[in-house]
């Protein structure tokens, strides 16, 4: 009998963990919760759910997911959620159905709906496919993927008509404070992957990224239609992150953040997250 191990990374997520764990427990044979330094009672939530907890030092997403994959390596496949995600009942049923597929693909993708809360208004910013189910033999995350969400390498992927719900923006202010930080981390990872300073082509100029991603989410993905002015504001905030990524590539090439660049170059990702 083929088995599926599920995992989640968490820190201070006591309010959102119960719903996320419920979905994992309903779809997986075993669930692991990776504690990356919680101090708000999240660990007690995990214990109350009867889920095994693995404490790790935070060195980024790649290292934490690799630790989970090692701990669950006795399963045939892995499924994972973020701590602010959950599965509706229909998605639980669809994931259970994957078990009876005659052949399992290397990966299965589900549609993730990114929800925004802006005052009294709540709407979906966008819906995108995400690979969240993977054969254990293909779950090869590395520490160098410290801000990288995607599963590494090209994978034979089958799409499942099911949703992962994501509390993406609990407030517009919450995103504004994170853009610069995540843009810097992305740029550090990209520069390290390229082995040195990365020239930014004119097609990736920050202002072009800002407008391209704004129009993509607001118009093509329909955020303005569903959220009105709040949809436009959320789309602009998310677009700002993509612009910040390339602004940071330019700033790193100019020599900014030398300590963080040196920490990434020597693979000291713990120092990267302590530095700023």
Protein backbone atom coordinates (compact mmCIF):
# COMPACT_ATOMS: atom_id res chain seq x y z
CA UNK A 1 0.00 0.00 0.00
CA UNK A 2 1.43 3.34 -1.06
CA UNK A 3 1.60 6.00 1.64
CA UNK A 4 1.73 9.80 1.80
CA UNK A 5 3.54 11.86 4.42
CA UNK A 6 2.43 15.43 5.01
CA UNK A 7 4.30 18.36 6.52
CA UNK A 8 4.02 22.01 7.40
CA UNK A 9 6.53 24.66 8.43
CA UNK A 10 5.48 27.02 11.19
CA UNK A 11 6.70 29.64 13.61
CA UNK A 12 4.21 31.92 15.36
CA UNK A 13 1.03 30.70 13.67
CA UNK A 14 -1.19 29.57 16.54
CA UNK A 15 -4.30 31.11 14.97
CA UNK A 16 -3.93 29.54 11.52
CA UNK A 17 -2.31 26.19 12.34
CA UNK A 18 -5.45 24.25 13.39
CA UNK A 19 -7.12 24.64 10.01
CA UNK A 20 -3.92 23.77 8.11
CA UNK A 21 -3.24 20.70 10.25
CA UNK A 22 -6.82 19.52 9.83
CA UNK A 23 -6.37 19.32 6.06
CA UNK A 24 -3.07 17.47 6.32
CA UNK A 25 -4.44 14.98 8.84
CA UNK A 26 -7.40 14.30 6.55
CA UNK A 27 -5.24 13.49 3.52
CA UNK A 28 -1.94 12.02 4.78
CA UNK A 29 -0.89 8.85 6.59
CA UNK A 30 1.50 10.78 8.83
CA UNK A 31 1.90 14.49 9.48
CA UNK A 32 5.03 16.34 10.61
CA UNK A 33 5.10 19.94 11.84
CA UNK A 34 8.48 21.66 11.49
CA UNK A 35 8.89 24.28 14.22
CA UNK A 36 11.25 27.02 13.03
CA UNK A 37 11.31 28.93 16.33
CA UNK A 38 7.76 29.43 17.62
CA UNK A 39 7.09 31.36 20.82
CA UNK A 40 3.33 32.04 20.69
CA UNK A 41 1.90 28.68 21.72
CA UNK A 42 1.98 27.18 18.23
CA UNK A 43 3.89 24.15 19.54
CA UNK A 44 1.01 23.43 21.95
CA UNK A 45 -1.44 23.56 19.02
CA UNK A 46 0.63 20.95 17.21
CA UNK A 47 0.79 18.74 20.31
CA UNK A 48 -2.97 19.02 20.87
CA UNK A 49 -3.55 17.86 17.29
CA UNK A 50 -1.45 14.75 17.94
CA UNK A 51 1.10 15.76 15.31
CA UNK A 52 4.83 15.05 15.60
CA UNK A 53 6.89 18.23 15.96
CA UNK A 54 10.42 18.66 14.62
CA UNK A 55 12.33 21.72 15.89
CA UNK A 56 14.93 23.20 13.52
CA UNK A 57 17.13 26.28 13.43
CA UNK A 58 15.82 28.60 10.74
CA UNK A 59 18.13 28.55 7.74
CA UNK A 60 15.45 29.22 5.15
CA UNK A 61 12.68 27.31 3.41
CA UNK A 62 14.94 24.91 1.52
CA UNK A 63 16.71 23.61 4.62
CA UNK A 64 13.46 23.25 6.58
CA UNK A 65 11.68 21.41 3.78
CA UNK A 66 14.69 19.16 3.25
CA UNK A 67 14.60 18.26 6.96
CA UNK A 68 10.92 17.37 6.65
CA UNK A 69 11.58 15.25 3.56
CA UNK A 70 14.29 13.31 5.39
CA UNK A 71 12.04 12.70 8.38
CA UNK A 72 9.27 11.41 6.11
CA UNK A 73 11.46 9.51 3.66
CA UNK A 74 9.74 6.19 4.49
CA UNK A 75 6.63 7.37 2.62
CA UNK A 76 6.13 7.06 -1.13
CA UNK A 77 5.02 10.65 -1.63
CA UNK A 78 4.90 13.95 0.26
CA UNK A 79 2.26 16.66 0.47
CA UNK A 80 2.83 20.01 2.15
CA UNK A 81 0.97 23.17 3.10
CA UNK A 82 2.08 26.53 4.42
CA UNK A 83 0.90 27.49 7.89
CA UNK A 84 -1.55 30.09 6.50
CA UNK A 85 -3.17 27.69 4.02
CA UNK A 86 -6.05 25.23 4.33
CA UNK A 87 -7.97 22.65 2.31
CA UNK A 88 -11.73 22.85 1.64
CA UNK A 89 -13.64 19.56 1.87
CA UNK A 90 -13.73 19.10 -1.91
CA UNK A 91 -9.94 19.33 -2.06
CA UNK A 92 -9.56 16.77 0.71
CA UNK A 93 -11.71 14.36 -1.29
CA UNK A 94 -9.75 15.05 -4.49
CA UNK A 95 -6.41 14.43 -2.78
CA UNK A 96 -7.67 11.17 -1.34
CA UNK A 97 -8.55 10.18 -4.88
CA UNK A 98 -4.92 10.55 -5.97
CA UNK A 99 -4.15 7.40 -3.98
CA UNK A 100 -6.07 5.19 -6.43
CA UNK A 101 -4.45 6.56 -9.56
CA UNK A 102 -2.91 3.65 -11.44
CA UNK A 103 0.36 5.51 -11.85
CA UNK A 104 1.60 8.37 -9.70
CA UNK A 105 3.25 11.28 -11.51
CA UNK A 106 6.39 12.86 -10.12
CA UNK A 107 4.34 15.80 -8.89
CA UNK A 108 0.75 16.96 -8.57
CA UNK A 109 -0.25 20.62 -8.82
CA UNK A 110 -3.29 22.23 -7.21
CA UNK A 111 -4.69 25.71 -7.73
CA UNK A 112 -3.89 28.05 -4.85
CA UNK A 113 -6.30 30.93 -4.27
CA UNK A 114 -4.66 33.96 -2.64
CA UNK A 115 -7.20 35.69 -0.38
CA UNK A 116 -6.98 39.37 0.58
CA UNK A 117 -8.66 41.03 3.54
CA UNK A 118 -8.99 44.81 3.23
CA UNK A 119 -11.23 46.25 5.94
CA UNK A 120 -14.62 44.58 5.58
CA UNK A 121 -13.83 43.31 2.10
CA UNK A 122 -12.46 39.85 1.39
CA UNK A 123 -11.67 38.64 -2.12
CA UNK A 124 -9.36 36.43 -4.19
CA UNK A 125 -6.40 38.31 -5.62
CA UNK A 126 -5.39 35.52 -8.00
CA UNK A 127 -5.40 31.78 -8.54
CA UNK A 128 -2.19 29.99 -9.59
CA UNK A 129 -1.03 26.40 -9.96
CA UNK A 130 1.37 25.14 -7.28
CA UNK A 131 3.14 21.78 -7.06
CA UNK A 132 2.50 20.59 -3.51
CA UNK A 133 2.44 16.77 -3.86
CA UNK A 134 5.66 15.08 -4.90
CA UNK A 135 7.20 11.62 -5.01
CA UNK A 136 9.60 11.31 -2.09
CA UNK A 137 12.42 10.37 -4.45
CA UNK A 138 11.98 13.76 -6.18
CA UNK A 139 11.76 15.90 -3.04
CA UNK A 140 15.29 17.24 -3.33
CA UNK A 141 15.21 20.66 -1.70
CA UNK A 142 18.56 22.22 -0.83
CA UNK A 143 19.70 24.86 1.66
CA UNK A 144 20.53 27.17 -1.24
CA UNK A 145 16.77 27.48 -1.91
CA UNK A 146 16.30 29.62 1.18
CA UNK A 147 13.54 31.73 -0.40
CA UNK A 148 12.54 29.41 -3.22
CA UNK A 149 9.05 27.89 -3.08
CA UNK A 150 9.07 25.68 -6.17
CA UNK A 151 10.08 22.06 -6.08
CA UNK A 152 13.57 21.72 -7.58
CA UNK A 153 14.07 20.51 -11.12
CA UNK A 154 11.64 19.80 -13.96
CA UNK A 155 9.02 17.33 -12.82
CA UNK A 156 6.41 15.33 -14.68
CA UNK A 157 3.36 17.05 -13.26
CA UNK A 158 -0.35 16.28 -13.32
CA UNK A 159 -2.88 18.96 -12.43
CA UNK A 160 -5.59 18.17 -9.91
CA UNK A 161 -8.86 20.09 -10.07
CA UNK A 162 -8.73 21.18 -6.44
CA UNK A 163 -7.96 24.32 -4.46
CA UNK A 164 -5.58 25.28 -1.69
CA UNK A 165 -6.95 28.35 0.11
CA UNK A 166 -4.31 30.86 1.20
CA UNK A 167 -4.70 33.75 3.66
CA UNK A 168 -2.28 35.72 1.50
CA UNK A 169 -2.90 39.26 2.73
CA UNK A 170 -4.66 39.46 6.11
CA UNK A 171 -4.17 43.23 5.73
CA UNK A 172 -2.63 45.48 3.10
CA UNK A 173 -0.22 46.85 5.71
CA UNK A 174 1.17 43.38 6.38
CA UNK A 175 2.45 43.09 2.80
CA UNK A 176 3.95 46.56 2.63
CA UNK A 177 6.30 45.77 5.52
CA UNK A 178 7.53 42.51 3.93
CA UNK A 179 8.25 43.54 0.34
CA UNK A 180 11.73 44.96 0.87
CA UNK A 181 12.89 42.07 3.07
CA UNK A 182 11.73 39.35 0.70
CA UNK A 183 13.03 41.25 -2.33
CA UNK A 184 16.51 41.33 -0.79
CA UNK A 185 16.46 37.62 0.07
CA UNK A 186 15.32 36.72 -3.46
CA UNK A 187 18.09 38.85 -4.98
CA UNK A 188 20.72 37.26 -2.73
CA UNK A 189 19.61 33.79 -3.79
CA UNK A 190 19.51 34.73 -7.47
CA UNK A 191 22.99 36.27 -7.37
CA UNK A 192 24.38 33.19 -5.61
CA UNK A 193 22.76 30.89 -8.18
CA UNK A 194 24.41 32.89 -10.99
CA UNK A 195 27.79 32.92 -9.25
CA UNK A 196 28.16 36.68 -9.05
CA UNK A 197 26.53 40.03 -9.84
CA UNK A 198 23.51 39.70 -12.13
CA UNK A 199 22.98 42.36 -14.80
CA UNK A 200 19.35 43.43 -15.03
CA UNK A 201 18.19 43.51 -18.67
CA UNK A 202 15.94 46.33 -19.81
CA UNK A 203 12.98 43.93 -19.97
CA UNK A 204 13.38 43.37 -16.22
CA UNK A 205 13.76 46.99 -15.16
CA UNK A 206 12.04 47.56 -11.80
CA UNK A 207 9.45 50.00 -13.13
CA UNK A 208 8.54 47.56 -15.92
CA UNK A 209 8.19 44.73 -13.40
CA UNK A 210 5.97 46.93 -11.24
CA UNK A 211 3.53 47.72 -14.03
CA UNK A 212 3.61 44.31 -15.66
CA UNK A 213 2.73 42.47 -12.44
CA UNK A 214 0.18 45.10 -11.47
CA UNK A 215 -1.69 44.67 -14.76
CA UNK A 216 -1.36 40.89 -14.57
CA UNK A 217 -3.05 40.63 -11.18
CA UNK A 218 -5.44 43.58 -11.41
CA UNK A 219 -6.67 42.93 -14.97
CA UNK A 220 -5.69 39.49 -16.28
CA UNK A 221 -6.22 37.73 -12.93
CA UNK A 222 -9.32 39.82 -12.15
CA UNK A 223 -8.38 41.32 -8.77
CA UNK A 224 -9.79 44.75 -9.70
CA UNK A 225 -13.11 43.20 -10.70
CA UNK A 226 -13.43 41.21 -7.47
CA UNK A 227 -11.91 43.71 -5.06
CA UNK A 228 -12.51 47.13 -6.57
CA UNK A 229 -10.16 49.76 -5.18
CA UNK A 230 -8.83 47.27 -2.65
CA UNK A 231 -8.05 44.91 -5.52
CA UNK A 232 -6.07 47.64 -7.24
CA UNK A 233 -4.22 48.48 -4.01
CA UNK A 234 -3.37 44.83 -3.33
CA UNK A 235 -2.20 44.32 -6.91
CA UNK A 236 0.08 47.34 -6.64
CA UNK A 237 1.58 46.10 -3.37
CA UNK A 238 2.31 42.65 -4.80
CA UNK A 239 3.76 44.22 -7.94
CA UNK A 240 6.04 46.32 -5.77
CA UNK A 241 7.65 43.14 -4.45
CA UNK A 242 8.58 42.05 -7.98
CA UNK A 243 10.06 45.48 -8.66
CA UNK A 244 11.98 45.35 -5.36
CA UNK A 245 13.60 42.06 -6.39
CA UNK A 246 15.29 43.68 -9.35
CA UNK A 247 16.10 46.86 -7.48
CA UNK A 248 17.98 44.71 -5.00
CA UNK A 249 19.85 42.92 -7.79
CA UNK A 250 21.13 46.29 -8.91
CA UNK A 251 22.02 47.33 -5.36
CA UNK A 252 23.84 44.08 -4.63
CA UNK A 253 25.86 44.49 -7.82
CA UNK A 254 26.81 47.96 -6.54
CA UNK A 255 28.18 46.40 -3.34
CA UNK A 256 25.37 46.93 -0.84
CA UNK A 257 24.78 44.45 2.02
CA UNK A 258 28.34 43.03 1.90
CA UNK A 259 27.91 40.97 5.09
CA UNK A 260 24.81 39.23 3.78
CA UNK A 261 26.44 38.62 0.40
CA UNK A 262 29.44 37.06 2.15
CA UNK A 263 27.20 34.88 4.33
CA UNK A 264 25.35 33.53 1.30
CA UNK A 265 28.61 32.92 -0.56
CA UNK A 266 29.91 30.71 2.26
CA UNK A 267 26.55 28.97 2.74
CA UNK A 268 25.94 30.42 6.21
CA UNK A 269 22.19 30.86 5.82
CA UNK A 270 21.59 31.12 9.55
CA UNK A 271 23.70 34.29 9.50
CA UNK A 272 21.70 35.59 6.54
CA UNK A 273 18.50 35.52 8.59
CA UNK A 274 20.19 37.02 11.65
CA UNK A 275 21.74 39.88 9.74
CA UNK A 276 18.74 42.05 8.93
